[in-house]
Amino acid sequence: MAIAIDATLVRLILVPAAMKLMGDWNWWMPSWLDRALPDLSFEAGGADPEPAEA
């Protein structure tokens, strides 16, 4: 019963509601941590891809 309450009440209702109320504060990162973490990019290359020919 505790797992069902946790899964429904906390994870489906409380967490999204808290994130909505906190807005941009959800994504705040301390500057010292930002400097310590590597700068990763998941984008492919710097140039725009060429359109595929039909």
N, C-alpha and C. Protein backbone atom coordinates (compact mmCIF):
# COMPACT_ATOMS: atom_id res chain seq x y z
N MET A 1 0.82 -1.19 0.00
CA MET A 1 0.00 0.00 0.00
C MET A 1 0.87 1.26 0.00
N ALA A 2 1.98 1.21 0.72
CA ALA A 2 2.86 2.37 0.80
C ALA A 2 3.47 2.69 -0.57
N ILE A 3 3.79 1.67 -1.34
CA ILE A 3 4.36 1.89 -2.67
C ILE A 3 3.33 2.54 -3.59
N ALA A 4 2.09 2.11 -3.51
CA ALA A 4 1.03 2.70 -4.33
C ALA A 4 0.80 4.16 -3.97
N ILE A 5 0.82 4.47 -2.68
CA ILE A 5 0.65 5.86 -2.25
C ILE A 5 1.83 6.71 -2.73
N ASP A 6 3.04 6.17 -2.58
CA ASP A 6 4.22 6.91 -3.03
C ASP A 6 4.16 7.16 -4.54
N ALA A 7 3.83 6.14 -5.30
CA ALA A 7 3.82 6.27 -6.76
C ALA A 7 2.74 7.23 -7.23
N THR A 8 1.59 7.22 -6.61
CA THR A 8 0.50 8.08 -7.09
C THR A 8 0.55 9.47 -6.48
N LEU A 9 0.58 9.55 -5.19
CA LEU A 9 0.49 10.84 -4.52
C LEU A 9 1.76 11.67 -4.70
N VAL A 10 2.88 11.10 -4.39
CA VAL A 10 4.13 11.87 -4.41
C VAL A 10 4.63 12.10 -5.82
N ARG A 11 4.79 11.05 -6.58
CA ARG A 11 5.44 11.17 -7.89
C ARG A 11 4.54 11.69 -9.00
N LEU A 12 3.27 11.47 -8.91
CA LEU A 12 2.37 11.93 -9.96
C LEU A 12 1.69 13.26 -9.66
N ILE A 13 1.63 13.63 -8.39
CA ILE A 13 0.92 14.85 -8.03
C ILE A 13 1.84 15.89 -7.40
N LEU A 14 2.53 15.54 -6.31
CA LEU A 14 3.30 16.51 -5.56
C LEU A 14 4.55 17.01 -6.29
N VAL A 15 5.30 16.12 -6.91
CA VAL A 15 6.53 16.55 -7.59
C VAL A 15 6.22 17.46 -8.78
N PRO A 16 5.31 17.11 -9.69
CA PRO A 16 5.01 18.04 -10.79
C PRO A 16 4.42 19.37 -10.30
N ALA A 17 3.61 19.34 -9.25
CA ALA A 17 3.04 20.57 -8.72
C ALA A 17 4.13 21.45 -8.13
N ALA A 18 5.05 20.87 -7.38
CA ALA A 18 6.16 21.64 -6.81
C ALA A 18 7.04 22.22 -7.91
N MET A 19 7.30 21.45 -8.96
CA MET A 19 8.13 21.95 -10.06
C MET A 19 7.45 23.10 -10.77
N LYS A 20 6.15 23.04 -10.93
CA LYS A 20 5.40 24.12 -11.56
C LYS A 20 5.46 25.38 -10.71
N LEU A 21 5.32 25.24 -9.41
CA LEU A 21 5.36 26.39 -8.52
C LEU A 21 6.75 27.02 -8.45
N MET A 22 7.79 26.18 -8.50
CA MET A 22 9.17 26.69 -8.37
C MET A 22 9.69 27.32 -9.65
N GLY A 23 9.11 26.99 -10.79
CA GLY A 23 9.50 27.60 -12.06
C GLY A 23 10.97 27.42 -12.39
N ASP A 24 11.68 28.52 -12.66
CA ASP A 24 13.09 28.46 -13.07
C ASP A 24 14.01 27.98 -11.95
N TRP A 25 13.57 28.07 -10.70
CA TRP A 25 14.41 27.61 -9.60
C TRP A 25 14.67 26.11 -9.67
N ASN A 26 13.86 25.36 -10.42
CA ASN A 26 14.11 23.92 -10.59
C ASN A 26 15.44 23.66 -11.26
N TRP A 27 15.87 24.56 -12.12
CA TRP A 27 17.04 24.32 -12.94
C TRP A 27 18.24 25.15 -12.49
N TRP A 28 18.19 25.73 -11.28
CA TRP A 28 19.30 26.50 -10.76
C TRP A 28 20.45 25.56 -10.39
N MET A 29 21.67 25.96 -10.75
CA MET A 29 22.85 25.18 -10.41
C MET A 29 23.88 26.11 -9.77
N PRO A 30 24.47 25.72 -8.66
CA PRO A 30 25.50 26.56 -8.06
C PRO A 30 26.66 26.77 -9.03
N SER A 31 27.25 27.95 -8.99
CA SER A 31 28.32 28.27 -9.94
C SER A 31 29.52 27.35 -9.77
N TRP A 32 29.84 26.93 -8.53
CA TRP A 32 30.99 26.06 -8.33
C TRP A 32 30.74 24.69 -8.96
N LEU A 33 29.50 24.22 -8.95
CA LEU A 33 29.18 22.94 -9.56
C LEU A 33 29.20 23.06 -11.08
N ASP A 34 28.75 24.19 -11.60
CA ASP A 34 28.76 24.42 -13.05
C ASP A 34 30.20 24.40 -13.58
N ARG A 35 31.12 24.95 -12.81
CA ARG A 35 32.53 24.95 -13.23
C ARG A 35 33.14 23.56 -13.12
N ALA A 36 32.69 22.75 -12.15
CA ALA A 36 33.28 21.43 -11.92
C ALA A 36 32.80 20.39 -12.93
N LEU A 37 31.58 20.54 -13.43
CA LEU A 37 31.04 19.56 -14.36
C LEU A 37 31.55 19.81 -15.78
N PRO A 38 31.74 18.75 -16.57
CA PRO A 38 32.17 18.95 -17.95
C PRO A 38 31.07 19.59 -18.78
N ASP A 39 31.47 20.30 -19.83
CA ASP A 39 30.52 20.95 -20.73
C ASP A 39 30.17 19.96 -21.83
N LEU A 40 29.01 19.33 -21.72
CA LEU A 40 28.58 18.32 -22.68
C LEU A 40 27.57 18.90 -23.64
N SER A 41 27.62 18.44 -24.89
CA SER A 41 26.65 18.85 -25.89
C SER A 41 26.15 17.61 -26.60
N PHE A 42 24.85 17.54 -26.73
CA PHE A 42 24.25 16.40 -27.41
C PHE A 42 23.83 16.75 -28.83
N GLU A 43 24.20 17.92 -29.28
CA GLU A 43 23.89 18.35 -30.63
C GLU A 43 24.92 17.75 -31.59
N ALA A 44 24.50 17.46 -32.79
CA ALA A 44 25.40 16.90 -33.80
C ALA A 44 26.08 18.03 -34.56
N GLY A 45 27.39 18.08 -34.52
CA GLY A 45 28.16 19.04 -35.32
C GLY A 45 27.72 20.48 -35.18
N GLY A 46 28.46 21.37 -35.82
CA GLY A 46 28.12 22.78 -35.73
C GLY A 46 27.34 23.27 -36.93
N ALA A 47 27.43 22.57 -38.05
CA ALA A 47 26.78 23.02 -39.28
C ALA A 47 25.39 22.41 -39.41
N ASP A 48 24.55 23.08 -40.16
CA ASP A 48 23.23 22.54 -40.44
C ASP A 48 23.36 21.37 -41.40
N PRO A 49 22.59 20.31 -41.18
CA PRO A 49 22.67 19.17 -42.09
C PRO A 49 22.09 19.51 -43.46
N GLU A 50 22.63 18.88 -44.47
CA GLU A 50 22.15 19.07 -45.82
C GLU A 50 20.81 18.35 -45.98
N PRO A 51 19.86 18.94 -46.69
CA PRO A 51 18.59 18.23 -46.91
C PRO A 51 18.78 16.99 -47.77
N ALA A 52 18.03 15.96 -47.46
CA ALA A 52 18.12 14.71 -48.23
C ALA A 52 17.45 14.91 -49.58
N GLU A 53 18.05 14.34 -50.60
CA GLU A 53 17.46 14.45 -51.93
C GLU A 53 16.46 13.34 -52.14
N ALA A 54 15.36 13.68 -52.77
CA ALA A 54 14.28 12.70 -52.98
C ALA A 54 14.52 11.88 -54.19
